[in-house]
All heavy atoms as atom14 arrays in JSON, in Angstrom:
{
  "sequence": "RFDDTTALPIDYPILQGVTDDTYLRTNLYGEPYTAGSIFLESANS",
  "atom14_mask": [
    [1, 1, 1, 1, 1, 1, 1, 1, 1, 1, 1, 0, 0, 0],
    [1, 1, 1, 1, 1, 1, 1, 1, 1, 1, 1, 0, 0, 0],
    [1, 1, 1, 1, 1, 1, 1, 1, 0, 0, 0, 0, 0, 0],
    [1, 1, 1, 1, 1, 1, 1, 1, 0, 0, 0, 0, 0, 0],
    [1, 1, 1, 1, 1, 1, 1, 0, 0, 0, 0, 0, 0, 0],
    [1, 1, 1, 1, 1, 1, 1, 0, 0, 0, 0, 0, 0, 0],
    [1, 1, 1, 1, 1, 0, 0, 0, 0, 0, 0, 0, 0, 0],
    [1, 1, 1, 1, 1, 1, 1, 1, 0, 0, 0, 0, 0, 0],
    [1, 1, 1, 1, 1, 1, 1, 0, 0, 0, 0, 0, 0, 0],
    [1, 1, 1, 1, 1, 1, 1, 1, 0, 0, 0, 0, 0, 0],
    [1, 1, 1, 1, 1, 1, 1, 1, 0, 0, 0, 0, 0, 0],
    [1, 1, 1, 1, 1, 1, 1, 1, 1, 1, 1, 1, 0, 0],
    [1, 1, 1, 1, 1, 1, 1, 0, 0, 0, 0, 0, 0, 0],
    [1, 1, 1, 1, 1, 1, 1, 1, 0, 0, 0, 0, 0, 0],
    [1, 1, 1, 1, 1, 1, 1, 1, 0, 0, 0, 0, 0, 0],
    [1, 1, 1, 1, 1, 1, 1, 1, 1, 0, 0, 0, 0, 0],
    [1, 1, 1, 1, 0, 0, 0, 0, 0, 0, 0, 0, 0, 0],
    [1, 1, 1, 1, 1, 1, 1, 0, 0, 0, 0, 0, 0, 0],
    [1, 1, 1, 1, 1, 1, 1, 0, 0, 0, 0, 0, 0, 0],
    [1, 1, 1, 1, 1, 1, 1, 1, 0, 0, 0, 0, 0, 0],
    [1, 1, 1, 1, 1, 1, 1, 1, 0, 0, 0, 0, 0, 0],
    [1, 1, 1, 1, 1, 1, 1, 0, 0, 0, 0, 0, 0, 0],
    [1, 1, 1, 1, 1, 1, 1, 1, 1, 1, 1, 1, 0, 0],
    [1, 1, 1, 1, 1, 1, 1, 1, 0, 0, 0, 0, 0, 0],
    [1, 1, 1, 1, 1, 1, 1, 1, 1, 1, 1, 0, 0, 0],
    [1, 1, 1, 1, 1, 1, 1, 0, 0, 0, 0, 0, 0, 0],
    [1, 1, 1, 1, 1, 1, 1, 1, 0, 0, 0, 0, 0, 0],
    [1, 1, 1, 1, 1, 1, 1, 1, 0, 0, 0, 0, 0, 0],
    [1, 1, 1, 1, 1, 1, 1, 1, 1, 1, 1, 1, 0, 0],
    [1, 1, 1, 1, 0, 0, 0, 0, 0, 0, 0, 0, 0, 0],
    [1, 1, 1, 1, 1, 1, 1, 1, 1, 0, 0, 0, 0, 0],
    [1, 1, 1, 1, 1, 1, 1, 0, 0, 0, 0, 0, 0, 0],
    [1, 1, 1, 1, 1, 1, 1, 1, 1, 1, 1, 1, 0, 0],
    [1, 1, 1, 1, 1, 1, 1, 0, 0, 0, 0, 0, 0, 0],
    [1, 1, 1, 1, 1, 0, 0, 0, 0, 0, 0, 0, 0, 0],
    [1, 1, 1, 1, 0, 0, 0, 0, 0, 0, 0, 0, 0, 0],
    [1, 1, 1, 1, 1, 1, 0, 0, 0, 0, 0, 0, 0, 0],
    [1, 1, 1, 1, 1, 1, 1, 1, 0, 0, 0, 0, 0, 0],
    [1, 1, 1, 1, 1, 1, 1, 1, 1, 1, 1, 0, 0, 0],
    [1, 1, 1, 1, 1, 1, 1, 1, 0, 0, 0, 0, 0, 0],
    [1, 1, 1, 1, 1, 1, 1, 1, 1, 0, 0, 0, 0, 0],
    [1, 1, 1, 1, 1, 1, 0, 0, 0, 0, 0, 0, 0, 0],
    [1, 1, 1, 1, 1, 0, 0, 0, 0, 0, 0, 0, 0, 0],
    [1, 1, 1, 1, 1, 1, 1, 1, 0, 0, 0, 0, 0, 0],
    [1, 1, 1, 1, 1, 1, 0, 0, 0, 0, 0, 0, 0, 0]
  ],
  "atom14_positions": [
    [[18.81, 7.74, 1.86], [19.34, 6.77, 0.91], [20.36, 5.86, 1.6], [21.31, 6.34, 2.21], [20.0, 7.49, -0.26], [20.34, 6.62, -1.47], [20.81, 7.52, -2.62], [20.76, 6.82, -3.9], [21.78, 6.17, -4.44], [22.94, 6.12, -3.8], [21.66, 5.57, -5.6], [0.0, 0.0, 0.0], [0.0, 0.0, 0.0], [0.0, 0.0, 0.0]],
    [[20.13, 4.55, 1.51], [21.1, 3.59, 2.02], [22.17, 3.34, 0.97], [21.92, 3.47, -0.23], [20.42, 2.3, 2.44], [19.92, 2.31, 3.86], [18.84, 3.11, 4.21], [20.53, 1.55, 4.84], [18.38, 3.13, 5.52], [20.08, 1.56, 6.15], [19.0, 2.36, 6.49], [0.0, 0.0, 0.0], [0.0, 0.0, 0.0], [0.0, 0.0, 0.0]],
    [[23.37, 2.96, 1.42], [24.48, 2.78, 0.49], [24.2, 1.71, -0.56], [24.4, 1.92, -1.75], [25.75, 2.4, 1.26], [26.36, 3.6, 1.98], [25.7, 4.66, 2.02], [27.47, 3.47, 2.5], [0.0, 0.0, 0.0], [0.0, 0.0, 0.0], [0.0, 0.0, 0.0], [0.0, 0.0, 0.0], [0.0, 0.0, 0.0], [0.0, 0.0, 0.0]],
    [[23.75, 0.53, -0.1], [23.47, -0.57, -1.01], [21.97, -0.61, -1.25], [21.22, -1.25, -0.51], [23.97, -1.89, -0.4], [23.82, -3.07, -1.37], [23.11, -2.93, -2.37], [24.42, -4.12, -1.1], [0.0, 0.0, 0.0], [0.0, 0.0, 0.0], [0.0, 0.0, 0.0], [0.0, 0.0, 0.0], [0.0, 0.0, 0.0], [0.0, 0.0, 0.0]],
    [[21.52, 0.05, -2.31], [20.08, 0.13, -2.57], [19.53, -1.15, -3.17], [18.33, -1.22, -3.46], [19.77, 1.33, -3.49], [20.57, 1.25, -4.67], [20.03, 2.64, -2.77], [0.0, 0.0, 0.0], [0.0, 0.0, 0.0], [0.0, 0.0, 0.0], [0.0, 0.0, 0.0], [0.0, 0.0, 0.0], [0.0, 0.0, 0.0], [0.0, 0.0, 0.0]],
    [[20.39, -2.14, -3.38], [19.91, -3.46, -3.79], [19.53, -4.27, -2.56], [18.44, -4.84, -2.48], [20.98, -4.21, -4.6], [21.29, -3.46, -5.78], [20.48, -5.58, -5.01], [0.0, 0.0, 0.0], [0.0, 0.0, 0.0], [0.0, 0.0, 0.0], [0.0, 0.0, 0.0], [0.0, 0.0, 0.0], [0.0, 0.0, 0.0], [0.0, 0.0, 0.0]],
    [[20.41, -4.3, -1.58], [20.13, -5.01, -0.33], [19.09, -4.28, 0.51], [18.24, -4.91, 1.15], [21.42, -5.18, 0.48], [0.0, 0.0, 0.0], [0.0, 0.0, 0.0], [0.0, 0.0, 0.0], [0.0, 0.0, 0.0], [0.0, 0.0, 0.0], [0.0, 0.0, 0.0], [0.0, 0.0, 0.0], [0.0, 0.0, 0.0], [0.0, 0.0, 0.0]],
    [[19.16, -2.96, 0.5], [18.22, -2.12, 1.25], [17.65, -1.07, 0.29], [18.23, 0.01, 0.14], [18.94, -1.43, 2.42], [19.14, -2.28, 3.67], [20.28, -1.74, 4.5], [17.86, -2.31, 4.5], [0.0, 0.0, 0.0], [0.0, 0.0, 0.0], [0.0, 0.0, 0.0], [0.0, 0.0, 0.0], [0.0, 0.0, 0.0], [0.0, 0.0, 0.0]],
    [[16.54, -1.37, -0.37], [15.99, -0.44, -1.36], [15.29, 0.76, -0.72], [14.1, 1.01, -0.94], [15.0, -1.32, -2.14], [14.57, -2.35, -1.16], [15.78, -2.64, -0.31], [0.0, 0.0, 0.0], [0.0, 0.0, 0.0], [0.0, 0.0, 0.0], [0.0, 0.0, 0.0], [0.0, 0.0, 0.0], [0.0, 0.0, 0.0], [0.0, 0.0, 0.0]],
    [[16.05, 1.48, 0.1], [15.53, 2.69, 0.75], [16.16, 3.89, 0.07], [17.34, 4.2, 0.29], [15.82, 2.67, 2.26], [15.12, 1.47, 2.92], [15.38, 3.98, 2.91], [15.42, 1.29, 4.39], [0.0, 0.0, 0.0], [0.0, 0.0, 0.0], [0.0, 0.0, 0.0], [0.0, 0.0, 0.0], [0.0, 0.0, 0.0], [0.0, 0.0, 0.0]],
    [[15.39, 4.54, -0.76], [15.87, 5.65, -1.6], [14.68, 6.55, -1.85], [14.09, 6.54, -2.93], [16.43, 5.06, -2.9], [17.31, 6.06, -3.67], [17.66, 7.12, -3.11], [17.62, 5.78, -4.84], [0.0, 0.0, 0.0], [0.0, 0.0, 0.0], [0.0, 0.0, 0.0], [0.0, 0.0, 0.0], [0.0, 0.0, 0.0], [0.0, 0.0, 0.0]],
    [[14.29, 7.34, -0.83], [13.01, 8.03, -0.83], [13.11, 9.48, -0.34], [13.99, 9.81, 0.47], [12.03, 7.32, 0.11], [11.67, 5.93, -0.27], [12.17, 4.84, 0.45], [10.8, 5.66, -1.33], [11.82, 3.53, 0.13], [10.44, 4.36, -1.66], [10.95, 3.3, -0.93], [10.61, 2.02, -1.26], [0.0, 0.0, 0.0], [0.0, 0.0, 0.0]],
    [[12.16, 10.28, -0.77], [12.04, 11.62, -0.18], [11.5, 11.5, 1.23], [10.77, 10.55, 1.56], [11.04, 12.32, -1.11], [10.21, 11.22, -1.68], [11.15, 10.05, -1.83], [0.0, 0.0, 0.0], [0.0, 0.0, 0.0], [0.0, 0.0, 0.0], [0.0, 0.0, 0.0], [0.0, 0.0, 0.0], [0.0, 0.0, 0.0], [0.0, 0.0, 0.0]],
    [[11.86, 12.45, 2.07], [11.32, 12.54, 3.43], [10.37, 13.72, 3.47], [10.73, 14.84, 3.09], [12.43, 12.76, 4.46], [13.5, 11.66, 4.37], [11.85, 12.81, 5.88], [14.75, 11.95, 5.2], [0.0, 0.0, 0.0], [0.0, 0.0, 0.0], [0.0, 0.0, 0.0], [0.0, 0.0, 0.0], [0.0, 0.0, 0.0], [0.0, 0.0, 0.0]],
    [[9.14, 13.47, 3.91], [8.15, 14.54, 4.02], [7.86, 14.82, 5.49], [8.19, 14.02, 6.37], [6.87, 14.16, 3.28], [7.01, 14.11, 1.76], [7.27, 12.69, 1.29], [5.8, 14.68, 1.06], [0.0, 0.0, 0.0], [0.0, 0.0, 0.0], [0.0, 0.0, 0.0], [0.0, 0.0, 0.0], [0.0, 0.0, 0.0], [0.0, 0.0, 0.0]],
    [[7.25, 15.95, 5.75], [6.81, 16.27, 7.1], [5.46, 16.95, 7.03], [5.31, 17.99, 6.39], [7.82, 17.17, 7.82], [7.45, 17.42, 9.29], [8.44, 18.34, 9.98], [8.89, 19.33, 9.39], [8.79, 18.04, 11.22], [0.0, 0.0, 0.0], [0.0, 0.0, 0.0], [0.0, 0.0, 0.0], [0.0, 0.0, 0.0], [0.0, 0.0, 0.0]],
    [[4.47, 16.34, 7.68], [3.13, 16.89, 7.67], [2.83, 17.68, 8.93], [3.64, 17.73, 9.87], [0.0, 0.0, 0.0], [0.0, 0.0, 0.0], [0.0, 0.0, 0.0], [0.0, 0.0, 0.0], [0.0, 0.0, 0.0], [0.0, 0.0, 0.0], [0.0, 0.0, 0.0], [0.0, 0.0, 0.0], [0.0, 0.0, 0.0], [0.0, 0.0, 0.0]],
    [[1.65, 18.26, 8.97], [1.2, 19.0, 10.14], [1.08, 18.05, 11.32], [1.38, 18.41, 12.47], [-0.14, 19.7, 9.86], [-0.66, 20.39, 11.11], [0.0, 20.7, 8.72], [0.0, 0.0, 0.0], [0.0, 0.0, 0.0], [0.0, 0.0, 0.0], [0.0, 0.0, 0.0], [0.0, 0.0, 0.0], [0.0, 0.0, 0.0], [0.0, 0.0, 0.0]],
    [[0.62, 16.82, 11.05], [0.56, 15.78, 12.07], [1.25, 14.53, 11.52], [1.58, 14.46, 10.33], [-0.89, 15.42, 12.46], [-1.49, 14.69, 11.38], [-1.7, 16.68, 12.73], [0.0, 0.0, 0.0], [0.0, 0.0, 0.0], [0.0, 0.0, 0.0], [0.0, 0.0, 0.0], [0.0, 0.0, 0.0], [0.0, 0.0, 0.0], [0.0, 0.0, 0.0]],
    [[1.42, 13.53, 12.37], [2.06, 12.29, 11.92], [1.11, 11.4, 11.12], [1.51, 10.34, 10.66], [2.62, 11.53, 13.12], [3.8, 12.24, 13.75], [4.48, 13.0, 13.04], [4.04, 12.06, 14.97], [0.0, 0.0, 0.0], [0.0, 0.0, 0.0], [0.0, 0.0, 0.0], [0.0, 0.0, 0.0], [0.0, 0.0, 0.0], [0.0, 0.0, 0.0]],
    [[-0.13, 11.84, 10.98], [-1.09, 11.1, 10.14], [-1.11, 11.62, 8.7], [-1.66, 10.94, 7.81], [-2.51, 11.2, 10.71], [-2.64, 10.44, 12.03], [-1.92, 9.44, 12.21], [-3.47, 10.84, 12.86], [0.0, 0.0, 0.0], [0.0, 0.0, 0.0], [0.0, 0.0, 0.0], [0.0, 0.0, 0.0], [0.0, 0.0, 0.0], [0.0, 0.0, 0.0]],
    [[-0.54, 12.79, 8.48], [-0.66, 13.44, 7.17], [-0.18, 12.55, 6.04], [-0.86, 12.41, 5.0], [0.14, 14.76, 7.16], [-0.31, 15.6, 8.23], [-0.07, 15.49, 5.83], [0.0, 0.0, 0.0], [0.0, 0.0, 0.0], [0.0, 0.0, 0.0], [0.0, 0.0, 0.0], [0.0, 0.0, 0.0], [0.0, 0.0, 0.0], [0.0, 0.0, 0.0]],
    [[0.98, 11.93, 6.19], [1.54, 11.11, 5.11], [1.6, 9.63, 5.46], [2.32, 8.87, 4.84], [2.94, 11.62, 4.74], [2.85, 12.96, 4.04], [3.15, 14.14, 4.72], [2.43, 13.04, 2.72], [3.03, 15.37, 4.09], [2.31, 14.27, 2.08], [2.61, 15.43, 2.77], [2.48, 16.64, 2.13], [0.0, 0.0, 0.0], [0.0, 0.0, 0.0]],
    [[0.79, 9.24, 6.44], [0.74, 7.84, 6.84], [0.24, 6.96, 5.7], [0.75, 5.86, 5.46], [-0.16, 7.67, 8.07], [-0.19, 6.3, 8.73], [1.17, 5.95, 9.32], [-1.26, 6.25, 9.81], [0.0, 0.0, 0.0], [0.0, 0.0, 0.0], [0.0, 0.0, 0.0], [0.0, 0.0, 0.0], [0.0, 0.0, 0.0], [0.0, 0.0, 0.0]],
    [[-0.77, 7.43, 4.98], [-1.34, 6.7, 3.84], [-1.48, 7.6, 2.61], [-2.36, 7.42, 1.79], [-2.72, 6.13, 4.21], [-2.7, 5.12, 5.33], [-1.96, 3.85, 4.97], [-1.95, 2.86, 6.06], [-1.29, 1.72, 6.03], [-0.56, 1.41, 4.97], [-1.33, 0.89, 7.05], [0.0, 0.0, 0.0], [0.0, 0.0, 0.0], [0.0, 0.0, 0.0]],
    [[-0.58, 8.54, 2.49], [-0.62, 9.5, 1.38], [0.77, 9.61, 0.78], [1.76, 9.69, 1.51], [-1.07, 10.89, 1.87], [-2.36, 10.76, 2.48], [-1.16, 11.87, 0.72], [0.0, 0.0, 0.0], [0.0, 0.0, 0.0], [0.0, 0.0, 0.0], [0.0, 0.0, 0.0], [0.0, 0.0, 0.0], [0.0, 0.0, 0.0], [0.0, 0.0, 0.0]],
    [[0.86, 9.62, -0.55], [2.19, 9.68, -1.17], [2.61, 11.12, -1.43], [1.92, 12.08, -1.06], [2.22, 8.86, -2.47], [1.4, 9.47, -3.59], [0.86, 10.56, -3.49], [1.3, 8.75, -4.69], [0.0, 0.0, 0.0], [0.0, 0.0, 0.0], [0.0, 0.0, 0.0], [0.0, 0.0, 0.0], [0.0, 0.0, 0.0], [0.0, 0.0, 0.0]],
    [[3.74, 11.27, -2.05], [4.34, 12.58, -2.33], [3.39, 13.49, -3.1], [3.39, 14.71, -2.93], [5.64, 12.37, -3.11], [6.36, 13.61, -3.63], [7.09, 14.3, -2.48], [7.35, 13.24, -4.73], [0.0, 0.0, 0.0], [0.0, 0.0, 0.0], [0.0, 0.0, 0.0], [0.0, 0.0, 0.0], [0.0, 0.0, 0.0], [0.0, 0.0, 0.0]],
    [[2.56, 12.88, -3.96], [1.68, 13.65, -4.83], [0.31, 13.94, -4.2], [-0.59, 14.43, -4.87], [1.49, 12.9, -6.15], [2.79, 12.68, -6.9], [3.52, 11.51, -6.73], [3.3, 13.66, -7.74], [4.73, 11.31, -7.39], [4.51, 13.47, -8.41], [5.21, 12.29, -8.23], [6.41, 12.11, -8.88], [0.0, 0.0, 0.0], [0.0, 0.0, 0.0]],
    [[0.18, 13.59, -2.93], [-1.08, 13.84, -2.24], [-2.15, 12.82, -2.55], [-3.32, 13.02, -2.23], [0.0, 0.0, 0.0], [0.0, 0.0, 0.0], [0.0, 0.0, 0.0], [0.0, 0.0, 0.0], [0.0, 0.0, 0.0], [0.0, 0.0, 0.0], [0.0, 0.0, 0.0], [0.0, 0.0, 0.0], [0.0, 0.0, 0.0], [0.0, 0.0, 0.0]],
    [[-1.74, 11.67, -3.13], [-2.69, 10.62, -3.49], [-2.75, 9.57, -2.39], [-1.76, 9.32, -1.71], [-2.25, 9.95, -4.8], [-2.13, 10.9, -5.96], [-1.35, 10.3, -7.13], [-0.55, 9.36, -6.89], [-1.54, 10.78, -8.27], [0.0, 0.0, 0.0], [0.0, 0.0, 0.0], [0.0, 0.0, 0.0], [0.0, 0.0, 0.0], [0.0, 0.0, 0.0]],
    [[-3.92, 8.94, -2.2], [-4.02, 7.89, -1.18], [-3.26, 6.64, -1.61], [-3.53, 6.08, -2.67], [-5.53, 7.63, -1.1], [-6.07, 8.07, -2.43], [-5.21, 9.21, -2.87], [0.0, 0.0, 0.0], [0.0, 0.0, 0.0], [0.0, 0.0, 0.0], [0.0, 0.0, 0.0], [0.0, 0.0, 0.0], [0.0, 0.0, 0.0], [0.0, 0.0, 0.0]],
    [[-2.3, 6.21, -0.79], [-1.49, 5.03, -1.08], [-1.33, 4.22, 0.2], [-1.06, 4.78, 1.27], [-0.1, 5.42, -1.6], [-0.01, 5.5, -3.1], [-0.84, 6.36, -3.81], [0.9, 4.73, -3.8], [-0.76, 6.44, -5.19], [0.99, 4.82, -5.19], [0.15, 5.68, -5.88], [0.23, 5.76, -7.25], [0.0, 0.0, 0.0], [0.0, 0.0, 0.0]],
    [[-1.47, 2.9, 0.09], [-1.3, 2.03, 1.24], [0.09, 2.21, 1.86], [0.24, 2.25, 3.07], [-1.48, 0.56, 0.84], [-2.79, 0.38, 0.31], [-1.27, -0.37, 2.02], [0.0, 0.0, 0.0], [0.0, 0.0, 0.0], [0.0, 0.0, 0.0], [0.0, 0.0, 0.0], [0.0, 0.0, 0.0], [0.0, 0.0, 0.0], [0.0, 0.0, 0.0]],
    [[1.09, 2.34, 1.01], [2.48, 2.47, 1.48], [2.76, 3.83, 2.1], [3.76, 3.99, 2.8], [3.45, 2.2, 0.34], [0.0, 0.0, 0.0], [0.0, 0.0, 0.0], [0.0, 0.0, 0.0], [0.0, 0.0, 0.0], [0.0, 0.0, 0.0], [0.0, 0.0, 0.0], [0.0, 0.0, 0.0], [0.0, 0.0, 0.0], [0.0, 0.0, 0.0]],
    [[1.93, 4.81, 1.82], [2.17, 6.14, 2.37], [3.49, 6.73, 1.91], [3.92, 6.51, 0.78], [0.0, 0.0, 0.0], [0.0, 0.0, 0.0], [0.0, 0.0, 0.0], [0.0, 0.0, 0.0], [0.0, 0.0, 0.0], [0.0, 0.0, 0.0], [0.0, 0.0, 0.0], [0.0, 0.0, 0.0], [0.0, 0.0, 0.0], [0.0, 0.0, 0.0]],
    [[4.15, 7.46, 2.8], [5.43, 8.1, 2.5], [6.38, 7.87, 3.67], [5.97, 7.48, 4.76], [5.25, 9.6, 2.29], [4.4, 9.89, 1.21], [0.0, 0.0, 0.0], [0.0, 0.0, 0.0], [0.0, 0.0, 0.0], [0.0, 0.0, 0.0], [0.0, 0.0, 0.0], [0.0, 0.0, 0.0], [0.0, 0.0, 0.0], [0.0, 0.0, 0.0]],
    [[7.64, 8.14, 3.43], [8.61, 8.24, 4.52], [8.47, 9.64, 5.08], [8.52, 10.63, 4.33], [10.05, 8.02, 4.0], [10.18, 6.65, 3.32], [11.05, 8.17, 5.14], [9.9, 5.47, 4.2], [0.0, 0.0, 0.0], [0.0, 0.0, 0.0], [0.0, 0.0, 0.0], [0.0, 0.0, 0.0], [0.0, 0.0, 0.0], [0.0, 0.0, 0.0]],
    [[8.28, 9.76, 6.39], [8.02, 11.1, 6.93], [8.71, 11.34, 8.27], [8.92, 10.42, 9.07], [6.52, 11.39, 7.03], [5.75, 10.46, 7.94], [5.52, 10.79, 9.27], [5.23, 9.26, 7.46], [4.79, 9.94, 10.1], [4.51, 8.4, 8.27], [4.29, 8.74, 9.59], [0.0, 0.0, 0.0], [0.0, 0.0, 0.0], [0.0, 0.0, 0.0]],
    [[9.04, 12.6, 8.48], [9.71, 13.06, 9.7], [8.67, 13.35, 10.77], [7.58, 13.88, 10.48], [10.52, 14.31, 9.39], [11.24, 15.02, 10.53], [12.38, 14.16, 11.08], [11.79, 16.39, 10.06], [0.0, 0.0, 0.0], [0.0, 0.0, 0.0], [0.0, 0.0, 0.0], [0.0, 0.0, 0.0], [0.0, 0.0, 0.0], [0.0, 0.0, 0.0]],
    [[8.99, 12.99, 12.01], [8.15, 13.32, 13.15], [7.74, 14.8, 13.08], [8.57, 15.69, 12.88], [8.92, 13.04, 14.44], [8.4, 13.71, 15.69], [7.04, 13.19, 16.11], [6.82, 11.97, 16.08], [6.19, 14.04, 16.47], [0.0, 0.0, 0.0], [0.0, 0.0, 0.0], [0.0, 0.0, 0.0], [0.0, 0.0, 0.0], [0.0, 0.0, 0.0]],
    [[6.44, 15.06, 13.24], [5.92, 16.42, 13.07], [6.47, 17.39, 14.11], [6.51, 18.6, 13.87], [4.39, 16.41, 13.11], [3.92, 15.89, 14.36], [0.0, 0.0, 0.0], [0.0, 0.0, 0.0], [0.0, 0.0, 0.0], [0.0, 0.0, 0.0], [0.0, 0.0, 0.0], [0.0, 0.0, 0.0], [0.0, 0.0, 0.0], [0.0, 0.0, 0.0]],
    [[6.92, 16.87, 15.25], [7.45, 17.74, 16.31], [8.92, 18.07, 16.12], [9.46, 18.91, 16.84], [7.23, 17.08, 17.68], [0.0, 0.0, 0.0], [0.0, 0.0, 0.0], [0.0, 0.0, 0.0], [0.0, 0.0, 0.0], [0.0, 0.0, 0.0], [0.0, 0.0, 0.0], [0.0, 0.0, 0.0], [0.0, 0.0, 0.0], [0.0, 0.0, 0.0]],
    [[9.58, 17.41, 15.17], [10.99, 17.72, 14.88], [11.11, 18.98, 14.02], [10.17, 19.36, 13.3], [11.66, 16.56, 14.14], [12.19, 15.49, 15.06], [11.92, 14.3, 14.87], [12.95, 15.88, 16.07], [0.0, 0.0, 0.0], [0.0, 0.0, 0.0], [0.0, 0.0, 0.0], [0.0, 0.0, 0.0], [0.0, 0.0, 0.0], [0.0, 0.0, 0.0]],
    [[12.28, 19.61, 14.07], [12.56, 20.75, 13.2], [12.62, 20.27, 11.75], [13.2, 19.22, 11.47], [13.89, 21.41, 13.58], [13.85, 21.89, 14.9], [0.0, 0.0, 0.0], [0.0, 0.0, 0.0], [0.0, 0.0, 0.0], [0.0, 0.0, 0.0], [0.0, 0.0, 0.0], [0.0, 0.0, 0.0], [0.0, 0.0, 0.0], [0.0, 0.0, 0.0]]
  ]
}
């Protein structure tokens, strides 16, 4: 979450898939979405 969510509307869950493709075009609910999800590098803890 960024401080000013009006100037920077970044206010999202962070997901982590088995690979970096898992949530590239998939949303939180497992549905196909062009925007995908915000996700953590799969090799990170």
